[in-house]
Amino acid sequence: MENDTSPAADLSGLPRIIATLEQQLAELDRLRLHIGAAHLDAAIEQLRLEQARPRSS
C-alpha cells in the first residue's frame, strides 16, 4: 500500500474513520486487549497528526 502524502490526498473522510477506530479502541480496552489497543491508539494518533498537518494547494 502506497503512502500518499501529496497535497491532493483526500483527507475528508478522516474524522469518520477516526471516530470508528476510537469505538474499536474502546472495545479493545473493555476486553482488556491492551497490546492491540496500544497499536490502534498509535494509529489513531498518526491519523490525527496527518489531519492537523497544513496542506499546500
Protein backbone atom coordinates (compact mmCIF):
# COMPACT_ATOMS: atom_id res chain seq x y z
CA MET A 1 0.00 0.00 0.00
CA GLU A 2 1.43 3.34 -1.06
CA ASN A 3 1.50 6.23 1.41
CA ASP A 4 0.09 9.28 -0.41
CA THR A 5 1.19 12.44 1.38
CA SER A 6 0.73 14.71 -1.61
CA PRO A 7 -1.31 17.91 -1.23
CA ALA A 8 -4.03 16.33 -3.35
CA ALA A 9 -4.57 13.49 -0.86
CA ASP A 10 -8.24 13.41 0.13
CA LEU A 11 -8.47 13.52 3.91
CA SER A 12 -12.15 14.46 4.10
CA GLY A 13 -13.12 11.04 5.43
CA LEU A 14 -10.61 11.05 8.30
CA PRO A 15 -12.99 12.31 11.02
CA ARG A 16 -15.37 9.41 10.40
CA ILE A 17 -12.50 6.92 10.21
CA ILE A 18 -11.02 8.22 13.46
CA ALA A 19 -14.41 8.02 15.21
CA THR A 20 -14.84 4.41 14.07
CA LEU A 21 -11.34 3.49 15.21
CA GLU A 22 -11.97 5.14 18.58
CA GLN A 23 -15.06 2.94 19.03
CA GLN A 24 -12.94 -0.12 18.27
CA LEU A 25 -10.28 1.13 20.69
CA ALA A 26 -12.88 1.42 23.46
CA GLU A 27 -13.98 -2.15 22.80
CA LEU A 28 -10.40 -3.44 22.89
CA ASP A 29 -9.90 -1.63 26.21
CA ARG A 30 -13.13 -3.11 27.55
CA LEU A 31 -11.93 -6.59 26.58
CA ARG A 32 -8.54 -5.85 28.21
CA LEU A 33 -6.71 -6.44 24.93
CA HIS A 34 -4.07 -3.87 25.79
CA ILE A 35 -1.45 -4.67 23.15
CA GLY A 36 -3.99 -4.41 20.34
CA ALA A 37 -5.40 -1.26 21.91
CA ALA A 38 -1.94 0.31 22.09
CA HIS A 39 -1.32 -0.36 18.40
CA LEU A 40 -4.71 1.05 17.44
CA ASP A 41 -4.18 4.09 19.67
CA ALA A 42 -0.87 4.79 17.90
CA ALA A 43 -2.58 4.52 14.51
CA ILE A 44 -5.31 6.93 15.62
CA GLU A 45 -2.68 9.41 16.79
CA GLN A 46 -0.91 9.21 13.42
CA LEU A 47 -4.20 9.92 11.63
CA ARG A 48 -4.85 12.91 13.90
CA LEU A 49 -1.39 14.29 13.15
CA GLU A 50 -1.94 13.79 9.42
CA GLN A 51 -5.31 15.53 9.67
CA ALA A 52 -3.81 18.51 11.53
CA ARG A 53 -0.84 18.92 9.19
CA PRO A 54 -1.17 22.01 6.99
CA ARG A 55 -1.74 21.25 3.31
CA SER A 56 -0.44 23.33 0.44
CA SER A 57 -2.68 23.81 -2.57
